[in-house]
Amino acid sequence: MHSDVSLQRFKQFPRLMWIFLFGSFITRGSYYMVWPFLAVILYEKFALSATEVGMVLSSAAIISVFTSFVGSSLSDRIGRHKLMYVTGTLYIISFSLLAEANSVEGYVVVMTLCSMATSLWRPLTSAAIGDIIADPKTRELAMQSLYFIVNVGCAVGPMLGVWLGLTGKQSSFYLTAVAFAVLLIMLYWGFNHQTRQDVALAAGASSNDNLSDATSGTESDGASGSVNDCVNDITSDGVNRGVNGLSSDTEASTKKAAVVSRKQIVAILLQDKLLQCLIFANILCMFIYAQMDSSLIQYLTRAGAPDLLTLISGMIFTNAMVIISTQFLLLKLMARFPLVKRIQIGLLLLICSQIWLAFNPLDLFWGWIGAIVVMSVAETILFPTMNVHIDRLAPDHLRGAYFGAASFYDLGFALAPLGGGIILDHFGGQWLFLTGAVLSVLVIYLYSILDRLPRPDFAMFKAD
């Protein structure tokens, strides 16, 4: 019965959702052929210290965090698909330039552009899914599916890169640029198709209303209102909530008055103490996870781990394959637990993985892989649940602002290379992972107090 329900929900995905899924697969696959190896490239090409590499990676990411919040909040006002076109173009330009960068300064500038595009794209996609899928359960399945397909790309990318001899090569960034060009073409077609479908459905509903007016007189006054509410419930992003699609910008402009002002958005976010605590907890969580992409690779590189490129590719492949193979099983097993309880279970597993990494011998290949397996199971529980948590907290008309605020999670990713590099240079790899274990305990405590924190009265904030 459960599988039948899930299949029905899959069938409810609009065409744009399938474009998001396919686009995420091709872009993430090409991205992970080379991006995780940037720390190796910077070390081998410029002989930078762990702290210097961390500063390069962190400076680019920190700028992008604030860009993401502003851009995601703006998407509630001017339309998400316009910003997706702009962000996709920025991806193409930045990855093309990254393939040609030949100085530390050049890497900093171009990686900043890449990080800005990445931090904009993720919340835009999450918010767009909330826009085009009205049913909460179907939306949760869509977010889980997006996370799943991203990890399929992460699994295929590094191993395909090794097979093709592209792993760690700077020129591989051209593949990511091409992948985003393909995705933009698909999105343009998908948005136009959805708009035509919305217009046709709205026209059909209007015809039915006129027929109802002619046959049932004043009874149509109430009926047409309910039909139009179903069909034309347009949000500030130009979203038709009743038909799971994006309407045209013209339709969006007719509802401009429904947009909450920027001042009110800031007031709401400042009053939502639960959201603020959640963001801080997840910044710490992302700081811990990001060590795998930066500091762990730096540690293995500088310590002279055997078969380095194979080990790094193997860890990325293992991480993605564990998520692919366990995600929906864990989703079913965890369904009976509240969201916060699921996250706390994931954090306990994360603590175990950090302790394992801290004490694993450098030359024990399968020990590193085993620790990554445990860490990946924790990630499978945590990451999609975080998105669902934000989706449930956010009012419909502020979804972009809330996902934009959630993009501050990326401060954890941004600070991880610098923080991890400093710990590596001054204390060593073991203390890096023990610090991660201690921070995980702190995150568990923060989640335990969420229910006691105040939230704003959204009814007090009227649209301008």
Protein backbone atom coordinates (compact mmCIF):
# COMPACT_ATOMS: atom_id res chain seq x y z
CA MET A 1 0.00 0.00 0.00
CA HIS A 2 2.81 2.39 0.91
CA SER A 3 4.59 1.80 -2.42
CA ASP A 4 1.32 2.37 -4.30
CA VAL A 5 0.85 5.70 -2.51
CA SER A 6 4.45 6.72 -3.32
CA LEU A 7 3.97 5.75 -6.97
CA GLN A 8 0.84 7.88 -7.13
CA ARG A 9 2.74 10.80 -5.67
CA PHE A 10 5.52 10.35 -8.25
CA LYS A 11 2.87 10.52 -10.97
CA GLN A 12 1.72 13.86 -9.54
CA PHE A 13 5.13 15.45 -10.25
CA PRO A 14 4.73 18.20 -12.87
CA ARG A 15 7.04 18.19 -15.89
CA LEU A 16 9.19 20.93 -14.40
CA MET A 17 9.98 18.67 -11.45
CA TRP A 18 11.36 16.02 -13.79
CA ILE A 19 13.48 18.70 -15.48
CA PHE A 20 14.83 19.72 -12.06
CA LEU A 21 15.71 16.10 -11.35
CA PHE A 22 17.44 15.42 -14.67
CA GLY A 23 19.21 18.78 -14.59
CA SER A 24 20.47 18.14 -11.07
CA PHE A 25 21.85 14.79 -12.17
CA ILE A 26 23.90 16.09 -15.11
CA THR A 27 25.16 19.20 -13.33
CA ARG A 28 26.14 17.48 -10.07
CA GLY A 29 27.81 14.62 -11.92
CA SER A 30 30.08 16.92 -13.90
CA TYR A 31 30.61 19.19 -10.86
CA TYR A 32 31.93 16.35 -8.70
CA MET A 33 34.40 15.21 -11.32
CA VAL A 34 36.74 17.98 -10.17
CA TRP A 35 35.37 20.34 -7.47
CA PRO A 36 36.29 18.12 -4.46
CA PHE A 37 39.87 18.05 -5.78
CA LEU A 38 40.32 21.84 -5.65
CA ALA A 39 42.21 21.57 -2.36
CA VAL A 40 44.62 19.11 -4.03
CA ILE A 41 45.01 21.40 -7.09
CA LEU A 42 45.76 24.46 -4.91
CA TYR A 43 48.26 22.51 -2.81
CA GLU A 44 50.10 20.94 -5.74
CA LYS A 45 49.97 24.01 -8.03
CA PHE A 46 50.80 26.76 -5.52
CA ALA A 47 52.22 24.88 -2.47
CA LEU A 48 49.77 26.63 -0.10
CA SER A 49 49.48 25.68 3.57
CA ALA A 50 46.30 24.10 4.93
CA THR A 51 45.26 27.44 6.44
CA GLU A 52 45.95 29.30 3.17
CA VAL A 53 43.93 26.78 1.16
CA GLY A 54 41.17 27.12 3.74
CA MET A 55 41.22 30.91 3.39
CA VAL A 56 40.89 30.66 -0.40
CA LEU A 57 37.95 28.27 -0.17
CA SER A 58 36.27 30.06 2.74
CA SER A 59 36.56 33.62 1.40
CA ALA A 60 34.72 32.60 -1.76
CA ALA A 61 31.98 30.79 0.15
CA ILE A 62 31.36 33.48 2.81
CA ILE A 63 30.51 36.13 0.20
CA SER A 64 28.12 33.72 -1.50
CA VAL A 65 26.10 33.12 1.68
CA PHE A 66 24.86 36.69 1.86
CA THR A 67 24.23 36.76 -1.89
CA SER A 68 22.03 33.69 -1.47
CA PHE A 69 19.86 35.28 1.22
CA VAL A 70 19.30 38.48 -0.76
CA GLY A 71 18.65 36.61 -4.01
CA SER A 72 16.25 34.07 -2.50
CA SER A 73 14.23 36.75 -0.72
CA LEU A 74 14.12 38.76 -3.95
CA SER A 75 12.74 35.72 -5.76
CA ASP A 76 9.47 36.09 -3.82
CA ARG A 77 9.02 39.47 -5.49
CA ILE A 78 10.31 39.22 -9.07
CA GLY A 79 9.91 35.53 -9.87
CA ARG A 80 12.08 32.51 -9.24
CA HIS A 81 12.50 31.43 -12.84
CA LYS A 82 14.07 34.77 -13.83
CA LEU A 83 16.68 34.38 -11.10
CA MET A 84 17.25 30.77 -12.16
CA TYR A 85 18.14 31.96 -15.67
CA VAL A 86 20.54 34.54 -14.24
CA THR A 87 22.10 32.02 -11.85
CA GLY A 88 22.50 29.39 -14.58
CA THR A 89 24.26 31.93 -16.80
CA LEU A 90 26.56 32.84 -13.89
CA TYR A 91 27.37 29.13 -13.49
CA ILE A 92 28.34 28.83 -17.17
CA ILE A 93 30.58 31.90 -17.07
CA SER A 94 32.26 31.07 -13.75
CA PHE A 95 32.99 27.42 -14.52
CA SER A 96 34.40 28.34 -17.93
CA LEU A 97 36.72 30.88 -16.28
CA LEU A 98 37.67 28.38 -13.57
CA ALA A 99 38.90 26.00 -16.25
CA GLU A 100 41.44 28.67 -17.29
CA ALA A 101 42.46 30.25 -13.93
CA ASN A 102 46.23 30.23 -13.39
CA SER A 103 46.85 32.36 -10.27
CA VAL A 104 45.74 32.29 -6.65
CA GLU A 105 43.96 35.62 -7.11
CA GLY A 106 42.19 34.31 -10.21
CA TYR A 107 41.02 31.24 -8.30
CA VAL A 108 39.65 33.41 -5.47
CA VAL A 109 37.64 35.64 -7.83
CA VAL A 110 36.26 32.85 -10.01
CA MET A 111 35.54 30.49 -7.11
CA THR A 112 33.59 33.33 -5.48
CA LEU A 113 31.42 33.53 -8.59
CA CYS A 114 30.97 29.74 -8.59
CA SER A 115 30.05 29.72 -4.91
CA MET A 116 27.56 32.56 -5.39
CA ALA A 117 25.87 30.63 -8.19
CA THR A 118 25.75 27.43 -6.11
CA SER A 119 24.34 29.14 -3.01
CA LEU A 120 21.67 30.86 -5.12
CA TRP A 121 20.69 27.76 -7.08
CA ARG A 122 19.98 25.44 -4.14
CA PRO A 123 17.39 27.58 -2.28
CA LEU A 124 15.84 28.71 -5.57
CA THR A 125 15.28 25.08 -6.56
CA SER A 126 13.88 24.13 -3.14
CA ALA A 127 11.51 27.11 -3.12
CA ALA A 128 10.44 26.43 -6.72
CA ILE A 129 9.52 22.86 -5.78
CA GLY A 130 7.31 24.27 -3.02
CA ASP A 131 5.71 26.53 -5.61
CA ILE A 132 4.88 23.94 -8.25
CA ILE A 133 3.72 21.16 -5.89
CA ALA A 134 0.87 22.08 -3.56
CA ASP A 135 0.39 18.80 -1.64
CA PRO A 136 2.78 18.69 1.39
CA LYS A 137 3.40 14.92 1.19
CA THR A 138 4.10 15.04 -2.54
CA ARG A 139 6.37 18.03 -1.95
CA GLU A 140 8.31 16.13 0.71
CA LEU A 141 8.73 13.22 -1.71
CA ALA A 142 9.91 15.67 -4.39
CA MET A 143 12.58 17.11 -2.07
CA GLN A 144 13.69 13.62 -1.11
CA SER A 145 13.84 12.73 -4.81
CA LEU A 146 15.93 15.80 -5.62
CA TYR A 147 18.37 14.91 -2.86
CA PHE A 148 18.47 11.34 -4.16
CA ILE A 149 19.21 12.31 -7.76
CA VAL A 150 21.89 14.80 -6.71
CA ASN A 151 23.68 11.95 -4.97
CA VAL A 152 23.33 9.71 -8.01
CA GLY A 153 25.24 12.43 -9.87
CA CYS A 154 27.77 12.62 -7.04
CA ALA A 155 28.32 8.85 -7.26
CA VAL A 156 28.62 8.71 -11.03
CA GLY A 157 30.72 11.87 -11.46
CA PRO A 158 33.95 11.00 -9.59
CA MET A 159 34.07 7.39 -10.79
CA LEU A 160 33.34 8.40 -14.38
CA GLY A 161 36.03 11.05 -14.02
CA VAL A 162 38.56 8.43 -12.89
CA TRP A 163 37.56 6.14 -15.77
CA LEU A 164 37.89 8.95 -18.33
CA GLY A 165 41.10 10.25 -16.76
CA LEU A 166 39.49 13.62 -15.94
CA THR A 167 39.52 13.51 -12.14
CA GLY A 168 41.47 16.41 -10.68
CA LYS A 169 42.01 18.07 -14.08
CA GLN A 170 41.18 21.76 -14.21
CA SER A 171 39.83 21.56 -17.78
CA SER A 172 37.01 19.30 -16.52
CA PHE A 173 35.14 22.42 -15.41
CA TYR A 174 34.14 22.97 -19.03
CA LEU A 175 31.93 19.89 -18.70
CA THR A 176 30.01 21.53 -15.85
CA ALA A 177 29.56 24.71 -17.91
CA VAL A 178 28.12 22.68 -20.80
CA ALA A 179 25.83 20.75 -18.41
CA PHE A 180 24.34 24.01 -17.12
CA ALA A 181 23.85 25.30 -20.64
CA VAL A 182 21.80 22.17 -21.39
CA LEU A 183 19.83 22.63 -18.17
CA LEU A 184 18.97 26.26 -19.00
CA ILE A 185 17.60 25.21 -22.39
CA MET A 186 15.47 22.54 -20.71
CA LEU A 187 14.20 25.00 -18.09
CA TYR A 188 13.24 27.55 -20.75
CA TRP A 189 11.20 24.90 -22.53
CA GLY A 190 9.70 23.63 -19.26
CA PHE A 191 8.65 27.07 -17.99
CA ASN A 192 7.03 27.94 -21.32
CA HIS A 193 5.20 24.61 -21.46
CA GLN A 194 3.93 25.08 -17.90
CA THR A 195 2.74 28.62 -18.64
CA ARG A 196 0.75 27.45 -21.70
CA GLN A 197 -0.74 24.63 -19.62
CA ASP A 198 -1.75 27.06 -16.85
CA VAL A 199 -3.34 29.48 -19.33
CA ALA A 200 -5.31 26.66 -20.98
CA LEU A 201 -6.52 25.35 -17.62
CA ALA A 202 -7.49 28.83 -16.45
CA ALA A 203 -9.35 29.44 -19.73
CA GLY A 204 -11.21 26.14 -19.32
CA ALA A 205 -12.20 27.07 -15.79
CA SER A 206 -13.38 30.48 -17.00
CA SER A 207 -15.55 28.83 -19.66
CA ASN A 208 -17.06 26.54 -17.05
CA ASP A 209 -17.80 29.58 -14.88
CA ASN A 210 -19.57 31.34 -17.75
CA LEU A 211 -21.62 28.22 -18.48
CA SER A 212 -22.49 27.96 -14.81
CA ASP A 213 -23.56 31.63 -14.80
CA ALA A 214 -25.89 31.03 -17.71
CA THR A 215 -27.53 27.93 -16.25
CA SER A 216 -27.67 28.50 -12.54
CA GLY A 217 -27.97 32.27 -12.13
CA THR A 218 -26.91 33.63 -8.79
CA GLU A 219 -25.71 30.21 -7.59
CA SER A 220 -22.64 30.76 -9.73
CA ASP A 221 -21.49 33.62 -7.54
CA GLY A 222 -20.30 31.24 -4.85
CA ALA A 223 -19.26 28.45 -7.21
CA SER A 224 -17.14 30.56 -9.52
CA GLY A 225 -15.32 32.01 -6.54
CA SER A 226 -14.33 28.57 -5.35
CA VAL A 227 -13.25 27.42 -8.83
CA ASN A 228 -11.22 30.55 -9.42
CA ASP A 229 -9.63 30.22 -6.00
CA CYS A 230 -8.54 26.71 -6.94
CA VAL A 231 -7.24 27.64 -10.37
CA ASN A 232 -5.89 31.15 -9.90
CA ASP A 233 -4.37 31.12 -6.42
CA ILE A 234 -1.32 33.01 -7.59
CA THR A 235 1.49 33.76 -5.17
CA SER A 236 3.94 36.61 -5.40
CA ASP A 237 6.25 34.48 -7.51
CA GLY A 238 3.63 34.04 -10.21
CA VAL A 239 2.77 30.57 -8.94
CA ASN A 240 -0.51 28.82 -9.64
CA ARG A 241 -0.93 26.82 -6.45
CA GLY A 242 -3.99 25.00 -7.75
CA VAL A 243 -2.41 23.47 -10.84
CA ASN A 244 1.16 22.79 -9.71
CA GLY A 245 2.80 25.17 -12.10
CA LEU A 246 4.38 28.56 -12.70
CA SER A 247 2.25 31.21 -14.32
CA SER A 248 3.44 34.08 -16.45
CA ASP A 249 5.03 37.23 -15.09
CA THR A 250 1.95 39.14 -16.23
CA GLU A 251 -0.23 37.10 -13.90
CA ALA A 252 2.30 37.57 -11.12
CA SER A 253 2.18 41.32 -11.51
CA THR A 254 -1.59 41.33 -10.98
CA LYS A 255 -0.93 40.04 -7.48
CA LYS A 256 1.88 42.44 -6.71
CA ALA A 257 -0.14 43.88 -3.86
CA ALA A 258 0.06 40.51 -2.10
CA VAL A 259 3.81 40.83 -1.69
CA VAL A 260 5.02 41.31 1.86
CA SER A 261 7.45 44.22 2.10
CA ARG A 262 11.15 43.66 2.65
CA LYS A 263 10.91 45.46 6.00
CA GLN A 264 8.17 43.10 7.15
CA ILE A 265 10.18 40.07 6.00
CA VAL A 266 13.16 41.20 8.09
CA ALA A 267 10.86 41.84 11.09
CA ILE A 268 9.38 38.35 10.80
CA LEU A 269 12.78 36.66 10.56
CA LEU A 270 14.11 38.64 13.54
CA GLN A 271 11.12 37.61 15.66
CA ASP A 272 11.32 33.93 14.72
CA LYS A 273 13.67 32.72 17.45
CA LEU A 274 12.99 29.09 16.55
CA LEU A 275 14.25 29.74 13.02
CA GLN A 276 17.35 31.53 14.31
CA CYS A 277 18.26 28.66 16.66
CA LEU A 278 17.64 26.18 13.85
CA ILE A 279 19.94 28.12 11.52
CA PHE A 280 22.72 28.23 14.13
CA ALA A 281 22.41 24.50 14.82
CA ASN A 282 22.55 23.68 11.12
CA ILE A 283 25.53 26.00 10.55
CA LEU A 284 27.41 23.85 13.07
CA CYS A 285 26.15 20.69 11.39
CA MET A 286 27.29 21.88 7.95
CA PHE A 287 30.69 22.87 9.41
CA ILE A 288 31.15 19.27 10.51
CA TYR A 289 30.04 17.77 7.20
CA ALA A 290 32.08 20.15 5.06
CA GLN A 291 35.29 18.79 6.57
CA MET A 292 34.88 15.81 4.24
CA ASP A 293 35.02 18.06 1.18
CA SER A 294 37.96 20.17 2.33
CA SER A 295 39.92 19.40 5.49
CA LEU A 296 39.75 15.60 5.31
CA ILE A 297 41.11 15.73 1.76
CA GLN A 298 43.82 18.18 2.86
CA TYR A 299 44.74 15.92 5.77
CA LEU A 300 45.05 12.84 3.57
CA THR A 301 47.03 14.77 0.93
CA ARG A 302 49.56 16.24 3.35
CA ALA A 303 49.90 13.05 5.40
CA GLY A 304 50.76 11.10 2.22
CA ALA A 305 47.89 8.60 2.30
CA PRO A 306 48.43 5.70 -0.14
CA ASP A 307 46.49 5.78 -3.45
CA LEU A 308 45.23 9.30 -2.68
CA LEU A 309 43.07 10.00 -5.76
CA THR A 310 41.53 6.52 -5.59
CA LEU A 311 40.79 6.98 -1.88
CA ILE A 312 39.19 10.41 -2.39
CA SER A 313 37.10 9.19 -5.34
CA GLY A 314 36.18 6.08 -3.35
CA MET A 315 34.97 8.14 -0.38
CA ILE A 316 32.84 10.39 -2.60
CA PHE A 317 31.45 7.36 -4.43
CA THR A 318 30.73 5.58 -1.12
CA ASN A 319 29.01 8.65 0.30
CA ALA A 320 26.72 8.93 -2.70
CA MET A 321 26.01 5.20 -3.03
CA VAL A 322 25.05 4.83 0.63
CA ILE A 323 22.60 7.70 0.23
CA ILE A 324 21.20 6.26 -3.00
CA SER A 325 20.73 2.78 -1.55
CA THR A 326 19.36 3.73 1.87
CA GLN A 327 17.48 7.00 1.43
CA PHE A 328 13.97 5.76 0.75
CA LEU A 329 14.34 2.79 3.12
CA LEU A 330 15.37 5.19 5.89
CA LEU A 331 12.57 7.55 4.89
CA LYS A 332 10.06 4.73 5.45
CA LEU A 333 11.68 3.61 8.73
CA MET A 334 11.86 7.17 10.06
CA ALA A 335 8.33 8.15 9.03
CA ARG A 336 6.93 7.32 12.48
CA PHE A 337 9.37 9.71 14.20
CA PRO A 338 8.88 13.50 14.46
CA LEU A 339 11.25 15.58 12.33
CA VAL A 340 13.38 16.71 15.28
CA LYS A 341 13.75 13.12 16.54
CA ARG A 342 14.93 12.00 13.09
CA ILE A 343 17.56 14.72 13.09
CA GLN A 344 18.78 13.76 16.57
CA ILE A 345 19.19 10.12 15.48
CA GLY A 346 21.22 11.32 12.49
CA LEU A 347 23.41 13.42 14.78
CA LEU A 348 24.20 10.43 17.01
CA LEU A 349 25.45 8.56 13.94
CA LEU A 350 27.46 11.64 12.96
CA ILE A 351 29.21 11.58 16.36
CA CYS A 352 30.16 7.93 15.80
CA SER A 353 31.61 8.71 12.36
CA GLN A 354 33.72 11.59 13.71
CA ILE A 355 35.22 9.44 16.45
CA TRP A 356 35.97 6.71 13.87
CA LEU A 357 37.72 9.21 11.58
CA ALA A 358 39.76 10.55 14.50
CA PHE A 359 41.28 7.15 15.32
CA ASN A 360 41.46 5.46 11.92
CA PRO A 361 45.06 4.53 10.87
CA LEU A 362 46.29 6.55 7.88
CA ASP A 363 47.01 3.50 5.70
CA LEU A 364 43.79 1.61 6.51
CA PHE A 365 41.86 2.22 3.26
CA TRP A 366 38.69 0.37 4.25
CA GLY A 367 38.67 2.07 7.65
CA TRP A 368 38.22 5.44 5.94
CA ILE A 369 35.50 3.97 3.75
CA GLY A 370 33.73 2.48 6.80
CA ALA A 371 33.70 5.82 8.61
CA ILE A 372 32.27 7.48 5.50
CA VAL A 373 29.50 4.83 5.40
CA VAL A 374 28.37 5.77 8.92
CA MET A 375 28.67 9.48 8.14
CA SER A 376 26.65 9.00 4.95
CA VAL A 377 23.80 7.21 6.74
CA ALA A 378 23.66 10.18 9.12
CA GLU A 379 23.64 12.56 6.15
CA THR A 380 20.84 10.58 4.50
CA ILE A 381 18.67 11.18 7.55
CA LEU A 382 19.72 14.77 8.21
CA PHE A 383 19.94 16.72 4.97
CA PRO A 384 16.55 16.14 3.33
CA THR A 385 14.86 16.36 6.73
CA MET A 386 16.36 19.84 7.20
CA ASN A 387 14.74 21.03 3.96
CA VAL A 388 11.39 19.52 4.95
CA HIS A 389 11.70 21.20 8.36
CA ILE A 390 12.13 24.64 6.77
CA ASP A 391 9.30 23.95 4.32
CA ARG A 392 6.93 23.21 7.20
CA LEU A 393 8.01 26.28 9.16
CA ALA A 394 7.65 28.71 6.24
CA PRO A 395 4.35 30.49 5.47
CA ASP A 396 3.41 30.01 1.81
CA HIS A 397 3.95 33.65 0.86
CA LEU A 398 7.38 33.74 2.56
CA ARG A 399 8.80 30.45 1.32
CA GLY A 400 11.57 32.13 -0.68
CA ALA A 401 12.57 34.31 2.29
CA TYR A 402 12.67 31.31 4.66
CA PHE A 403 14.71 29.17 2.27
CA GLY A 404 16.91 32.22 1.73
CA ALA A 405 17.40 32.53 5.49
CA ALA A 406 18.15 28.81 5.61
CA SER A 407 20.95 29.45 3.11
CA PHE A 408 22.88 30.84 6.08
CA TYR A 409 23.50 27.15 6.79
CA ASP A 410 26.17 27.62 4.14
CA LEU A 411 28.20 29.66 6.62
CA GLY A 412 29.11 26.27 8.05
CA PHE A 413 30.38 25.15 4.65
CA ALA A 414 32.08 28.52 4.13
CA LEU A 415 33.95 28.53 7.43
CA ALA A 416 34.83 24.81 7.38
CA PRO A 417 37.91 25.01 5.11
CA LEU A 418 39.43 27.87 7.13
CA GLY A 419 38.52 26.43 10.54
CA GLY A 420 39.60 22.94 9.50
CA GLY A 421 42.85 24.26 7.99
CA ILE A 422 43.75 26.10 11.20
CA ILE A 423 43.06 22.98 13.30
CA LEU A 424 45.12 20.85 10.90
CA ASP A 425 48.10 23.23 10.95
CA HIS A 426 48.14 23.67 14.73
CA PHE A 427 46.65 20.51 16.27
CA GLY A 428 46.46 17.75 13.64
CA GLY A 429 43.80 15.57 12.02
CA GLN A 430 42.70 13.74 15.15
CA TRP A 431 41.63 16.95 16.90
CA LEU A 432 39.78 18.04 13.76
CA PHE A 433 37.39 15.11 14.00
CA LEU A 434 37.13 15.13 17.79
CA THR A 435 36.05 18.77 17.50
CA GLY A 436 33.37 17.62 15.06
CA ALA A 437 32.10 15.09 17.60
CA VAL A 438 31.85 17.75 20.35
CA LEU A 439 30.01 20.15 18.02
CA SER A 440 27.54 17.37 17.14
CA VAL A 441 26.65 17.05 20.83
CA LEU A 442 25.99 20.80 20.94
CA VAL A 443 23.70 20.54 17.88
CA ILE A 444 21.67 17.78 19.59
CA TYR A 445 21.13 20.11 22.56
CA LEU A 446 20.04 23.00 20.30
CA TYR A 447 17.45 20.80 18.60
CA SER A 448 16.13 19.69 21.98
CA ILE A 449 15.16 23.28 22.92
CA LEU A 450 13.53 24.31 19.62
CA ASP A 451 9.95 23.73 20.77
CA ARG A 452 10.43 26.17 23.64
CA LEU A 453 11.43 29.10 21.45
CA PRO A 454 8.95 31.82 20.35
CA ARG A 455 7.70 32.42 16.79
CA PRO A 456 6.08 35.55 15.30
CA ASP A 457 2.34 36.03 14.93
CA PHE A 458 2.17 35.93 11.13
CA ALA A 459 -1.37 37.34 11.17
CA MET A 460 0.04 40.66 12.39
CA PHE A 461 1.99 41.15 9.16
CA LYS A 462 -0.31 42.34 6.40
CA ALA A 463 0.68 42.53 2.76
CA ASP A 464 1.50 46.01 1.52
